[in-house]
Amino acid sequence: MAKDMFDRERQFYQERGVGGSKVGFGKKPAVVVIDLQLAFTDPTFPLGGNLDNVVESCRELIKAAHAKNIPVLFTTTGYQKHLKDAGLWVKKSPSGALLQLDSKWIEIDPRLGKTDEDILVVKKYASGFFGTHLDATLNSMGVDTLMITGATTSGCVRATCVDALQYGYHGIVPEECVGDRAEGPHLANLFDIGQKYCDVIPLADVLTWIDGYQPVG
């Protein structure tokens, strides 16, 4: 399955003016890393997959952001042992019950280079915004642009991208920095995100933009 499988759909959308335009970068960026916790980056865990390439690409992006003092925020999904905070999601996806707050599985993958200056957001559902302090924290820092990365493309990344648009953020998705357990859902959702919600662009273009970034104010 290749990215060009959507060429016909892309043309169909463009002929009707259904998305595909670029929103571009704003003035004040932040990097949001969605759920690259051990539960998702360790393929031996029921919810995990082989995301080594995604982790490496994100590490490169995070390093560049740190060098420019661009805020980096990580989300992790975790629940209390009684699972009352998990709602119906663990009924729909029972393996989610393994994401216990006191377990190693909610820890951010150490390969990413998270520092004490980075911000951790603990969430319960798909979007990094839903029921969390993410929007308030971003607003307090004057952020208007989100470089959204992580996993999974078809789930929590997509949900966060949709909410980013709805909350008024410029959304940028470096395509090498998002991943999924299977190629089909990844490619289909990456196409859809790029058509309707965020700009999906190569990591190299994002790194070039960061290299030339000068903080405003």
N, C-alpha and C. Protein backbone atom coordinates (compact mmCIF):
# COMPACT_ATOMS: atom_id res chain seq x y z
N MET A 1 0.85 -1.19 0.00
CA MET A 1 0.00 0.00 0.00
C MET A 1 0.89 1.24 0.00
N ALA A 2 0.68 2.15 -0.94
CA ALA A 2 1.54 3.31 -1.07
C ALA A 2 0.73 4.59 -0.95
N LYS A 3 1.45 5.69 -0.69
CA LYS A 3 0.77 6.96 -0.52
C LYS A 3 0.03 7.39 -1.77
N ASP A 4 0.53 7.01 -2.96
CA ASP A 4 -0.11 7.45 -4.19
C ASP A 4 -1.43 6.74 -4.45
N MET A 5 -1.80 5.81 -3.57
CA MET A 5 -3.10 5.16 -3.71
C MET A 5 -4.24 6.16 -3.57
N PHE A 6 -3.96 7.33 -3.01
CA PHE A 6 -5.00 8.33 -2.80
C PHE A 6 -4.97 9.43 -3.85
N ASP A 7 -4.23 9.26 -4.93
CA ASP A 7 -4.16 10.30 -5.95
C ASP A 7 -5.54 10.60 -6.54
N ARG A 8 -6.32 9.56 -6.79
CA ARG A 8 -7.66 9.77 -7.36
C ARG A 8 -8.55 10.52 -6.39
N GLU A 9 -8.50 10.13 -5.12
CA GLU A 9 -9.30 10.80 -4.11
C GLU A 9 -8.85 12.25 -3.93
N ARG A 10 -7.54 12.47 -3.97
CA ARG A 10 -7.01 13.83 -3.81
C ARG A 10 -7.51 14.73 -4.94
N GLN A 11 -7.49 14.22 -6.15
CA GLN A 11 -7.98 14.99 -7.29
C GLN A 11 -9.48 15.25 -7.17
N PHE A 12 -10.22 14.24 -6.74
CA PHE A 12 -11.67 14.38 -6.54
C PHE A 12 -11.97 15.49 -5.54
N TYR A 13 -11.23 15.51 -4.42
CA TYR A 13 -11.42 16.53 -3.40
C TYR A 13 -11.07 17.91 -3.94
N GLN A 14 -9.94 17.99 -4.65
CA GLN A 14 -9.48 19.29 -5.14
C GLN A 14 -10.45 19.89 -6.14
N GLU A 15 -11.04 19.06 -6.97
CA GLU A 15 -12.01 19.55 -7.95
C GLU A 15 -13.22 20.17 -7.28
N ARG A 16 -13.50 19.77 -6.05
CA ARG A 16 -14.68 20.25 -5.34
C ARG A 16 -14.33 21.20 -4.20
N GLY A 17 -13.06 21.54 -4.10
CA GLY A 17 -12.65 22.48 -3.05
C GLY A 17 -12.79 21.92 -1.66
N VAL A 18 -12.67 20.59 -1.54
CA VAL A 18 -12.80 19.94 -0.23
C VAL A 18 -11.41 19.78 0.37
N GLY A 19 -10.97 20.79 1.08
CA GLY A 19 -9.70 20.70 1.79
C GLY A 19 -8.49 20.67 0.89
N GLY A 20 -7.36 20.36 1.51
CA GLY A 20 -6.10 20.27 0.79
C GLY A 20 -5.30 21.55 0.78
N SER A 21 -5.92 22.68 1.17
CA SER A 21 -5.18 23.94 1.24
C SER A 21 -4.25 23.93 2.44
N LYS A 22 -3.25 24.81 2.42
CA LYS A 22 -2.28 24.88 3.51
C LYS A 22 -2.64 26.02 4.47
N VAL A 23 -2.54 25.74 5.76
CA VAL A 23 -2.73 26.79 6.76
C VAL A 23 -1.40 27.40 7.17
N GLY A 24 -0.32 26.68 6.97
CA GLY A 24 1.01 27.20 7.27
C GLY A 24 1.30 27.33 8.76
N PHE A 25 2.49 27.82 9.04
CA PHE A 25 2.92 28.06 10.42
C PHE A 25 2.41 29.43 10.88
N GLY A 26 2.18 29.53 12.19
CA GLY A 26 1.86 30.81 12.78
C GLY A 26 3.13 31.48 13.29
N LYS A 27 3.02 32.13 14.46
CA LYS A 27 4.15 32.88 15.01
C LYS A 27 4.83 32.21 16.19
N LYS A 28 4.07 31.40 16.96
CA LYS A 28 4.64 30.82 18.18
C LYS A 28 4.33 29.32 18.20
N PRO A 29 5.33 28.47 17.95
CA PRO A 29 5.09 27.04 17.84
C PRO A 29 5.32 26.27 19.14
N ALA A 30 4.79 25.08 19.16
CA ALA A 30 5.09 24.08 20.19
C ALA A 30 5.04 22.71 19.53
N VAL A 31 5.77 21.77 20.10
CA VAL A 31 5.72 20.38 19.66
C VAL A 31 4.84 19.60 20.62
N VAL A 32 3.89 18.86 20.09
CA VAL A 32 3.04 18.00 20.91
C VAL A 32 3.30 16.55 20.50
N VAL A 33 3.76 15.76 21.45
CA VAL A 33 4.09 14.36 21.19
C VAL A 33 3.00 13.50 21.81
N ILE A 34 2.22 12.85 20.97
CA ILE A 34 1.06 12.10 21.43
C ILE A 34 1.43 10.64 21.74
N ASP A 35 1.35 10.29 23.00
CA ASP A 35 1.35 8.90 23.46
C ASP A 35 2.52 8.03 22.99
N LEU A 36 3.70 8.60 22.87
CA LEU A 36 4.87 7.75 22.62
C LEU A 36 5.40 7.25 23.95
N GLN A 37 4.48 6.59 24.66
CA GLN A 37 4.77 5.95 25.93
C GLN A 37 5.14 4.50 25.65
N LEU A 38 5.73 3.85 26.62
CA LEU A 38 6.22 2.49 26.40
C LEU A 38 5.13 1.52 25.97
N ALA A 39 3.90 1.77 26.39
CA ALA A 39 2.79 0.89 26.01
C ALA A 39 2.60 0.82 24.50
N PHE A 40 2.96 1.89 23.80
CA PHE A 40 2.74 1.94 22.36
C PHE A 40 4.02 1.75 21.55
N THR A 41 5.17 1.97 22.16
CA THR A 41 6.43 1.83 21.41
C THR A 41 7.11 0.49 21.65
N ASP A 42 6.62 -0.29 22.60
CA ASP A 42 7.17 -1.63 22.86
C ASP A 42 6.26 -2.66 22.19
N PRO A 43 6.70 -3.30 21.12
CA PRO A 43 5.83 -4.24 20.39
C PRO A 43 5.45 -5.49 21.17
N THR A 44 6.08 -5.73 22.32
CA THR A 44 5.70 -6.89 23.13
C THR A 44 4.45 -6.62 23.96
N PHE A 45 4.06 -5.35 24.09
CA PHE A 45 2.86 -4.99 24.84
C PHE A 45 1.65 -5.10 23.91
N PRO A 46 0.49 -5.52 24.42
CA PRO A 46 -0.68 -5.72 23.56
C PRO A 46 -1.06 -4.50 22.71
N LEU A 47 -0.83 -3.30 23.23
CA LEU A 47 -1.18 -2.09 22.49
C LEU A 47 -0.04 -1.56 21.63
N GLY A 48 1.11 -2.21 21.71
CA GLY A 48 2.31 -1.68 21.08
C GLY A 48 2.48 -2.07 19.62
N GLY A 49 3.44 -1.40 18.99
CA GLY A 49 3.81 -1.70 17.62
C GLY A 49 5.25 -1.29 17.39
N ASN A 50 5.75 -1.59 16.22
CA ASN A 50 7.12 -1.21 15.89
C ASN A 50 7.13 0.24 15.41
N LEU A 51 7.44 1.14 16.32
CA LEU A 51 7.45 2.57 16.01
C LEU A 51 8.86 3.14 16.09
N ASP A 52 9.86 2.29 15.88
CA ASP A 52 11.24 2.74 16.02
C ASP A 52 11.56 3.93 15.11
N ASN A 53 11.11 3.88 13.87
CA ASN A 53 11.39 4.98 12.95
C ASN A 53 10.69 6.26 13.37
N VAL A 54 9.47 6.12 13.89
CA VAL A 54 8.74 7.29 14.38
C VAL A 54 9.45 7.90 15.58
N VAL A 55 9.88 7.05 16.50
CA VAL A 55 10.59 7.53 17.69
C VAL A 55 11.86 8.28 17.28
N GLU A 56 12.60 7.72 16.34
CA GLU A 56 13.85 8.36 15.90
C GLU A 56 13.57 9.71 15.24
N SER A 57 12.54 9.78 14.41
CA SER A 57 12.19 11.04 13.76
C SER A 57 11.73 12.07 14.79
N CYS A 58 10.94 11.63 15.75
CA CYS A 58 10.48 12.54 16.80
C CYS A 58 11.65 13.02 17.65
N ARG A 59 12.59 12.14 17.93
CA ARG A 59 13.77 12.53 18.70
C ARG A 59 14.51 13.66 18.00
N GLU A 60 14.63 13.56 16.68
CA GLU A 60 15.30 14.60 15.90
C GLU A 60 14.54 15.92 15.98
N LEU A 61 13.22 15.85 15.87
CA LEU A 61 12.39 17.05 15.96
C LEU A 61 12.48 17.67 17.34
N ILE A 62 12.38 16.84 18.37
CA ILE A 62 12.43 17.34 19.75
C ILE A 62 13.78 18.01 20.03
N LYS A 63 14.84 17.41 19.56
CA LYS A 63 16.17 17.99 19.74
C LYS A 63 16.25 19.37 19.10
N ALA A 64 15.71 19.51 17.90
CA ALA A 64 15.71 20.80 17.22
C ALA A 64 14.86 21.82 17.96
N ALA A 65 13.72 21.37 18.49
CA ALA A 65 12.85 22.27 19.25
C ALA A 65 13.54 22.75 20.52
N HIS A 66 14.17 21.84 21.24
CA HIS A 66 14.89 22.22 22.45
C HIS A 66 15.95 23.27 22.15
N ALA A 67 16.64 23.12 21.04
CA ALA A 67 17.72 24.05 20.68
C ALA A 67 17.21 25.46 20.44
N LYS A 68 15.93 25.59 20.08
CA LYS A 68 15.32 26.89 19.81
C LYS A 68 14.38 27.33 20.92
N ASN A 69 14.40 26.62 22.05
CA ASN A 69 13.52 26.91 23.18
C ASN A 69 12.04 26.88 22.79
N ILE A 70 11.71 26.01 21.86
CA ILE A 70 10.31 25.79 21.49
C ILE A 70 9.71 24.80 22.49
N PRO A 71 8.57 25.12 23.09
CA PRO A 71 7.98 24.22 24.08
C PRO A 71 7.69 22.83 23.50
N VAL A 72 7.94 21.82 24.31
CA VAL A 72 7.64 20.44 23.94
C VAL A 72 6.70 19.86 25.00
N LEU A 73 5.58 19.34 24.56
CA LEU A 73 4.59 18.76 25.46
C LEU A 73 4.35 17.31 25.07
N PHE A 74 4.34 16.45 26.06
CA PHE A 74 4.10 15.02 25.85
C PHE A 74 2.75 14.65 26.46
N THR A 75 1.99 13.81 25.76
CA THR A 75 0.81 13.23 26.39
C THR A 75 1.08 11.75 26.67
N THR A 76 0.44 11.27 27.71
CA THR A 76 0.45 9.84 28.02
C THR A 76 -0.96 9.47 28.48
N THR A 77 -1.40 8.28 28.14
CA THR A 77 -2.72 7.82 28.54
C THR A 77 -2.59 6.84 29.70
N GLY A 78 -3.30 7.11 30.79
CA GLY A 78 -3.20 6.24 31.95
C GLY A 78 -4.41 6.35 32.85
N TYR A 79 -4.66 5.27 33.60
CA TYR A 79 -5.86 5.18 34.42
C TYR A 79 -5.55 4.70 35.83
N GLN A 80 -6.45 5.06 36.75
CA GLN A 80 -6.37 4.52 38.10
C GLN A 80 -6.78 3.04 38.07
N LYS A 81 -6.38 2.31 39.10
CA LYS A 81 -6.61 0.86 39.11
C LYS A 81 -8.09 0.50 39.01
N HIS A 82 -8.95 1.33 39.58
CA HIS A 82 -10.39 1.00 39.55
C HIS A 82 -11.01 1.23 38.16
N LEU A 83 -10.32 1.95 37.29
CA LEU A 83 -10.75 2.20 35.91
C LEU A 83 -12.02 3.02 35.79
N LYS A 84 -12.44 3.65 36.88
CA LYS A 84 -13.62 4.50 36.79
C LYS A 84 -13.36 5.72 35.93
N ASP A 85 -12.08 6.08 35.77
CA ASP A 85 -11.73 7.22 34.93
C ASP A 85 -11.54 6.83 33.46
N ALA A 86 -11.76 5.57 33.15
CA ALA A 86 -11.56 5.09 31.77
C ALA A 86 -12.85 5.06 30.96
N GLY A 87 -13.99 5.19 31.64
CA GLY A 87 -15.26 5.21 30.93
C GLY A 87 -15.50 3.98 30.08
N LEU A 88 -16.16 4.19 28.95
CA LEU A 88 -16.50 3.08 28.05
C LEU A 88 -15.34 2.68 27.14
N TRP A 89 -14.28 3.49 27.14
CA TRP A 89 -13.20 3.19 26.19
C TRP A 89 -12.57 1.82 26.47
N VAL A 90 -12.45 1.45 27.76
CA VAL A 90 -11.84 0.15 28.05
C VAL A 90 -12.82 -1.00 27.77
N LYS A 91 -14.09 -0.68 27.64
CA LYS A 91 -15.04 -1.70 27.20
C LYS A 91 -14.89 -1.93 25.70
N LYS A 92 -14.70 -0.84 24.98
CA LYS A 92 -14.50 -0.93 23.53
C LYS A 92 -13.13 -1.51 23.20
N SER A 93 -12.12 -1.14 23.98
CA SER A 93 -10.74 -1.60 23.75
C SER A 93 -10.17 -2.11 25.07
N PRO A 94 -10.45 -3.37 25.43
CA PRO A 94 -10.11 -3.91 26.75
C PRO A 94 -8.63 -3.82 27.13
N SER A 95 -7.73 -3.85 26.17
CA SER A 95 -6.31 -3.77 26.50
C SER A 95 -5.94 -2.44 27.14
N GLY A 96 -6.79 -1.45 26.96
CA GLY A 96 -6.55 -0.16 27.58
C GLY A 96 -6.52 -0.22 29.09
N ALA A 97 -7.14 -1.24 29.66
CA ALA A 97 -7.14 -1.41 31.12
C ALA A 97 -5.75 -1.66 31.66
N LEU A 98 -4.81 -2.03 30.80
CA LEU A 98 -3.43 -2.28 31.23
C LEU A 98 -2.65 -0.99 31.43
N LEU A 99 -3.21 0.14 31.02
CA LEU A 99 -2.51 1.43 31.12
C LEU A 99 -2.68 2.01 32.52
N GLN A 100 -2.09 1.35 33.49
CA GLN A 100 -2.22 1.77 34.89
C GLN A 100 -1.24 2.91 35.20
N LEU A 101 -1.70 3.89 35.96
CA LEU A 101 -0.89 5.06 36.26
C LEU A 101 0.39 4.73 37.02
N ASP A 102 0.41 3.62 37.74
CA ASP A 102 1.60 3.26 38.52
C ASP A 102 2.48 2.24 37.79
N SER A 103 2.23 2.05 36.49
CA SER A 103 3.00 1.06 35.73
C SER A 103 4.02 1.75 34.83
N LYS A 104 4.97 0.97 34.35
CA LYS A 104 5.98 1.53 33.45
C LYS A 104 5.41 1.87 32.09
N TRP A 105 4.23 1.34 31.79
CA TRP A 105 3.69 1.49 30.44
C TRP A 105 3.21 2.89 30.13
N ILE A 106 3.04 3.71 31.12
CA ILE A 106 2.65 5.10 30.83
C ILE A 106 3.87 6.01 30.74
N GLU A 107 5.06 5.47 30.98
CA GLU A 107 6.28 6.28 30.92
C GLU A 107 6.63 6.62 29.47
N ILE A 108 7.10 7.85 29.27
CA ILE A 108 7.51 8.27 27.93
C ILE A 108 8.76 7.50 27.52
N ASP A 109 8.79 7.05 26.27
CA ASP A 109 9.94 6.29 25.77
C ASP A 109 11.21 7.12 25.97
N PRO A 110 12.18 6.60 26.71
CA PRO A 110 13.39 7.38 27.03
C PRO A 110 14.22 7.77 25.81
N ARG A 111 14.02 7.10 24.70
CA ARG A 111 14.78 7.43 23.49
C ARG A 111 14.44 8.82 22.95
N LEU A 112 13.32 9.38 23.39
CA LEU A 112 12.87 10.67 22.86
C LEU A 112 13.63 11.85 23.45
N GLY A 113 14.30 11.64 24.56
CA GLY A 113 15.07 12.73 25.15
C GLY A 113 14.24 13.76 25.88
N LYS A 114 13.16 13.32 26.52
CA LYS A 114 12.34 14.23 27.33
C LYS A 114 13.18 14.82 28.46
N THR A 115 13.01 16.12 28.70
CA THR A 115 13.75 16.80 29.77
C THR A 115 12.79 17.27 30.86
N ASP A 116 13.35 17.74 31.96
CA ASP A 116 12.53 18.25 33.06
C ASP A 116 11.80 19.53 32.69
N GLU A 117 12.24 20.20 31.63
CA GLU A 117 11.59 21.42 31.18
C GLU A 117 10.37 21.14 30.30
N ASP A 118 10.24 19.93 29.83
CA ASP A 118 9.10 19.57 29.00
C ASP A 118 7.86 19.36 29.86
N ILE A 119 6.71 19.44 29.23
CA ILE A 119 5.44 19.38 29.95
C ILE A 119 4.76 18.04 29.68
N LEU A 120 4.26 17.41 30.74
CA LEU A 120 3.55 16.13 30.61
C LEU A 120 2.06 16.34 30.83
N VAL A 121 1.26 15.83 29.92
CA VAL A 121 -0.20 15.89 30.01
C VAL A 121 -0.72 14.46 30.10
N VAL A 122 -1.38 14.13 31.19
CA VAL A 122 -1.98 12.80 31.35
C VAL A 122 -3.42 12.87 30.85
N LYS A 123 -3.75 12.03 29.91
CA LYS A 123 -5.09 12.05 29.34
C LYS A 123 -5.79 10.70 29.51
N LYS A 124 -7.08 10.72 29.29
CA LYS A 124 -7.89 9.51 29.47
C LYS A 124 -8.51 9.03 28.16
N TYR A 125 -8.61 9.92 27.20
CA TYR A 125 -9.27 9.59 25.94
C TYR A 125 -8.38 9.94 24.76
N ALA A 126 -8.93 9.89 23.56
CA ALA A 126 -8.10 9.98 22.36
C ALA A 126 -7.41 11.33 22.20
N SER A 127 -8.17 12.39 22.21
CA SER A 127 -7.58 13.71 21.96
C SER A 127 -6.74 14.19 23.13
N GLY A 128 -5.61 14.81 22.81
CA GLY A 128 -4.79 15.41 23.86
C GLY A 128 -5.48 16.57 24.54
N PHE A 129 -6.52 17.11 23.91
CA PHE A 129 -7.25 18.25 24.46
C PHE A 129 -8.37 17.83 25.40
N PHE A 130 -8.99 16.68 25.13
CA PHE A 130 -10.23 16.34 25.84
C PHE A 130 -9.98 16.10 27.32
N GLY A 131 -10.59 16.94 28.16
CA GLY A 131 -10.51 16.76 29.61
C GLY A 131 -9.14 17.02 30.21
N THR A 132 -8.27 17.74 29.50
CA THR A 132 -6.91 18.00 30.00
C THR A 132 -6.64 19.50 30.07
N HIS A 133 -5.45 19.84 30.55
CA HIS A 133 -5.03 21.24 30.64
C HIS A 133 -4.25 21.69 29.41
N LEU A 134 -4.24 20.89 28.34
CA LEU A 134 -3.39 21.18 27.19
C LEU A 134 -3.69 22.56 26.59
N ASP A 135 -4.95 22.84 26.30
CA ASP A 135 -5.29 24.12 25.67
C ASP A 135 -4.93 25.29 26.58
N ALA A 136 -5.25 25.19 27.87
CA ALA A 136 -4.94 26.28 28.80
C ALA A 136 -3.44 26.52 28.88
N THR A 137 -2.67 25.44 28.90
CA THR A 137 -1.21 25.57 28.98
C THR A 137 -0.66 26.22 27.72
N LEU A 138 -1.13 25.80 26.57
CA LEU A 138 -0.68 26.40 25.31
C LEU A 138 -1.05 27.88 25.24
N ASN A 139 -2.27 28.20 25.65
CA ASN A 139 -2.70 29.60 25.65
C ASN A 139 -1.84 30.46 26.56
N SER A 140 -1.47 29.92 27.71
CA SER A 140 -0.67 30.69 28.67
C SER A 140 0.71 31.01 28.11
N MET A 141 1.18 30.21 27.16
CA MET A 141 2.48 30.44 26.54
C MET A 141 2.37 31.20 25.22
N GLY A 142 1.14 31.53 24.83
CA GLY A 142 0.94 32.27 23.59
C GLY A 142 1.15 31.45 22.33
N VAL A 143 1.05 30.14 22.44
CA VAL A 143 1.28 29.26 21.30
C VAL A 143 0.12 29.33 20.31
N ASP A 144 0.46 29.41 19.02
CA ASP A 144 -0.59 29.38 17.99
C ASP A 144 -0.37 28.30 16.94
N THR A 145 0.74 27.57 17.04
CA THR A 145 1.09 26.55 16.05
C THR A 145 1.51 25.27 16.75
N LEU A 146 0.92 24.15 16.35
CA LEU A 146 1.26 22.86 16.95
C LEU A 146 1.87 21.94 15.91
N MET A 147 3.06 21.45 16.21
CA MET A 147 3.67 20.39 15.42
C MET A 147 3.28 19.08 16.10
N ILE A 148 2.31 18.38 15.53
CA ILE A 148 1.68 17.23 16.18
C ILE A 148 2.34 15.95 15.70
N THR A 149 2.79 15.15 16.65
CA THR A 149 3.53 13.92 16.35
C THR A 149 3.00 12.79 17.23
N GLY A 150 3.49 11.57 16.99
CA GLY A 150 3.19 10.47 17.91
C GLY A 150 2.35 9.36 17.32
N ALA A 151 1.54 8.75 18.19
CA ALA A 151 0.78 7.57 17.81
C ALA A 151 -0.57 7.54 18.57
N THR A 152 -1.54 6.89 18.00
CA THR A 152 -1.50 6.34 16.67
C THR A 152 -2.17 7.30 15.69
N THR A 153 -1.73 7.22 14.41
CA THR A 153 -2.25 8.13 13.40
C THR A 153 -3.77 8.06 13.31
N SER A 154 -4.30 6.85 13.37
CA SER A 154 -5.74 6.65 13.19
C SER A 154 -6.55 6.93 14.44
N GLY A 155 -5.89 7.09 15.58
CA GLY A 155 -6.60 7.27 16.84
C GLY A 155 -6.30 8.60 17.50
N CYS A 156 -5.36 8.59 18.41
CA CYS A 156 -5.11 9.76 19.25
C CYS A 156 -4.48 10.91 18.49
N VAL A 157 -3.67 10.62 17.48
CA VAL A 157 -3.10 11.69 16.66
C VAL A 157 -4.21 12.38 15.87
N ARG A 158 -5.03 11.59 15.22
CA ARG A 158 -6.12 12.17 14.43
C ARG A 158 -7.05 13.00 15.31
N ALA A 159 -7.44 12.46 16.46
CA ALA A 159 -8.35 13.19 17.35
C ALA A 159 -7.75 14.51 17.80
N THR A 160 -6.45 14.51 18.07
CA THR A 160 -5.78 15.73 18.50
C THR A 160 -5.69 16.73 17.35
N CYS A 161 -5.46 16.24 16.14
CA CYS A 161 -5.42 17.12 14.97
C CYS A 161 -6.77 17.80 14.74
N VAL A 162 -7.84 17.04 14.86
CA VAL A 162 -9.18 17.61 14.69
C VAL A 162 -9.42 18.70 15.73
N ASP A 163 -9.11 18.40 16.98
CA ASP A 163 -9.32 19.39 18.04
C ASP A 163 -8.40 20.60 17.89
N ALA A 164 -7.19 20.38 17.41
CA ALA A 164 -6.27 21.51 17.20
C ALA A 164 -6.89 22.53 16.25
N LEU A 165 -7.47 22.05 15.16
CA LEU A 165 -8.15 22.94 14.23
C LEU A 165 -9.33 23.62 14.89
N GLN A 166 -10.10 22.86 15.64
CA GLN A 166 -11.31 23.40 16.27
C GLN A 166 -10.98 24.43 17.36
N TYR A 167 -9.81 24.30 17.97
CA TYR A 167 -9.38 25.27 18.97
C TYR A 167 -8.62 26.44 18.35
N GLY A 168 -8.46 26.44 17.04
CA GLY A 168 -7.87 27.58 16.36
C GLY A 168 -6.36 27.56 16.19
N TYR A 169 -5.74 26.38 16.30
CA TYR A 169 -4.29 26.28 16.13
C TYR A 169 -3.92 25.94 14.68
N HIS A 170 -2.79 26.50 14.24
CA HIS A 170 -2.18 26.04 13.00
C HIS A 170 -1.63 24.64 13.28
N GLY A 171 -2.08 23.65 12.56
CA GLY A 171 -1.63 22.28 12.80
C GLY A 171 -0.66 21.81 11.73
N ILE A 172 0.51 21.35 12.17
CA ILE A 172 1.54 20.84 11.28
C ILE A 172 1.85 19.40 11.69
N VAL A 173 1.79 18.48 10.76
CA VAL A 173 2.10 17.07 11.04
C VAL A 173 3.31 16.66 10.20
N PRO A 174 4.48 16.52 10.82
CA PRO A 174 5.63 15.97 10.09
C PRO A 174 5.38 14.49 9.81
N GLU A 175 5.27 14.14 8.55
CA GLU A 175 4.73 12.82 8.22
C GLU A 175 5.57 11.65 8.75
N GLU A 176 6.87 11.84 8.91
CA GLU A 176 7.70 10.76 9.45
C GLU A 176 7.56 10.61 10.96
N CYS A 177 6.88 11.57 11.59
CA CYS A 177 6.81 11.61 13.05
C CYS A 177 5.51 11.05 13.61
N VAL A 178 4.69 10.42 12.77
CA VAL A 178 3.47 9.78 13.24
C VAL A 178 3.44 8.35 12.73
N GLY A 179 2.80 7.48 13.50
CA GLY A 179 2.76 6.07 13.11
C GLY A 179 1.58 5.34 13.71
N ASP A 180 1.42 4.10 13.26
CA ASP A 180 0.28 3.28 13.67
C ASP A 180 0.71 1.82 13.72
N ARG A 181 -0.20 0.97 14.17
CA ARG A 181 0.11 -0.46 14.25
C ARG A 181 0.05 -1.14 12.88
N ALA A 182 -0.68 -0.53 11.96
CA ALA A 182 -0.85 -1.11 10.63
C ALA A 182 -0.78 -0.01 9.59
N GLU A 183 -0.29 -0.35 8.40
CA GLU A 183 -0.05 0.65 7.36
C GLU A 183 -1.34 1.23 6.80
N GLY A 184 -2.37 0.39 6.61
CA GLY A 184 -3.61 0.87 6.02
C GLY A 184 -4.24 2.02 6.78
N PRO A 185 -4.55 1.83 8.07
CA PRO A 185 -5.13 2.92 8.85
C PRO A 185 -4.22 4.14 8.90
N HIS A 186 -2.90 3.91 8.96
CA HIS A 186 -1.96 5.03 9.01
C HIS A 186 -2.07 5.89 7.75
N LEU A 187 -1.98 5.27 6.58
CA LEU A 187 -1.99 6.03 5.33
C LEU A 187 -3.34 6.69 5.08
N ALA A 188 -4.43 5.98 5.36
CA ALA A 188 -5.75 6.55 5.13
C ALA A 188 -5.99 7.77 6.01
N ASN A 189 -5.61 7.67 7.27
CA ASN A 189 -5.84 8.79 8.18
C ASN A 189 -4.87 9.94 7.94
N LEU A 190 -3.64 9.63 7.54
CA LEU A 190 -2.70 10.69 7.21
C LEU A 190 -3.21 11.50 6.02
N PHE A 191 -3.76 10.81 5.03
CA PHE A 191 -4.37 11.49 3.88
C PHE A 191 -5.51 12.38 4.33
N ASP A 192 -6.39 11.84 5.16
CA ASP A 192 -7.57 12.58 5.59
C ASP A 192 -7.19 13.78 6.47
N ILE A 193 -6.23 13.59 7.36
CA ILE A 193 -5.75 14.70 8.19
C ILE A 193 -5.23 15.83 7.31
N GLY A 194 -4.45 15.47 6.30
CA GLY A 194 -3.88 16.48 5.42
C GLY A 194 -4.90 17.19 4.56
N GLN A 195 -5.98 16.52 4.23
CA GLN A 195 -7.03 17.13 3.42
C GLN A 195 -7.90 18.09 4.22
N LYS A 196 -8.14 17.77 5.50
CA LYS A 196 -9.19 18.47 6.23
C LYS A 196 -8.75 19.25 7.47
N TYR A 197 -7.64 18.86 8.09
CA TYR A 197 -7.38 19.40 9.43
C TYR A 197 -6.02 20.07 9.62
N CYS A 198 -4.96 19.47 9.14
CA CYS A 198 -3.61 19.98 9.38
C CYS A 198 -2.79 19.89 8.10
N ASP A 199 -1.66 20.58 8.09
CA ASP A 199 -0.72 20.45 6.99
C ASP A 199 0.18 19.25 7.25
N VAL A 200 0.15 18.27 6.38
CA VAL A 200 1.04 17.11 6.48
C VAL A 200 2.22 17.35 5.55
N ILE A 201 3.40 17.52 6.12
CA ILE A 201 4.58 17.88 5.34
C ILE A 201 5.78 17.06 5.79
N PRO A 202 6.83 16.99 4.98
CA PRO A 202 8.01 16.22 5.36
C PRO A 202 8.71 16.80 6.59
N LEU A 203 9.30 15.93 7.38
CA LEU A 203 10.05 16.37 8.56
C LEU A 203 11.15 17.35 8.16
N ALA A 204 11.80 17.12 7.03
CA ALA A 204 12.88 18.00 6.60
C ALA A 204 12.40 19.44 6.46
N ASP A 205 11.17 19.64 5.97
CA ASP A 205 10.63 20.99 5.82
C ASP A 205 10.37 21.63 7.19
N VAL A 206 9.92 20.82 8.13
CA VAL A 206 9.68 21.33 9.49
C VAL A 206 11.00 21.73 10.14
N LEU A 207 12.01 20.91 9.98
CA LEU A 207 13.32 21.21 10.57
C LEU A 207 13.92 22.46 9.95
N THR A 208 13.71 22.66 8.66
CA THR A 208 14.19 23.88 8.01
C THR A 208 13.50 25.10 8.58
N TRP A 209 12.19 24.98 8.79
CA TRP A 209 11.44 26.11 9.37
C TRP A 209 11.94 26.41 10.78
N ILE A 210 12.14 25.38 11.58
CA ILE A 210 12.63 25.57 12.94
C ILE A 210 14.01 26.23 12.93
N ASP A 211 14.85 25.81 12.01
CA ASP A 211 16.20 26.37 11.93
C ASP A 211 16.17 27.88 11.71
N GLY A 212 15.18 28.35 10.96
CA GLY A 212 15.07 29.79 10.70
C GLY A 212 14.16 30.52 11.65
N TYR A 213 13.60 29.81 12.63
CA TYR A 213 12.63 30.41 13.55
C TYR A 213 13.30 31.39 14.51
N GLN A 214 12.69 32.55 14.63
CA GLN A 214 13.11 33.55 15.61
C GLN A 214 11.92 33.88 16.50
N PRO A 215 12.04 33.68 17.81
CA PRO A 215 10.93 33.95 18.72
C PRO A 215 10.41 35.38 18.58
N VAL A 216 9.11 35.53 18.68
CA VAL A 216 8.46 36.84 18.60
C VAL A 216 8.12 37.31 20.00
N GLY A 217 8.53 38.51 20.36
CA GLY A 217 8.18 39.08 21.66
C GLY A 217 9.01 38.55 22.80
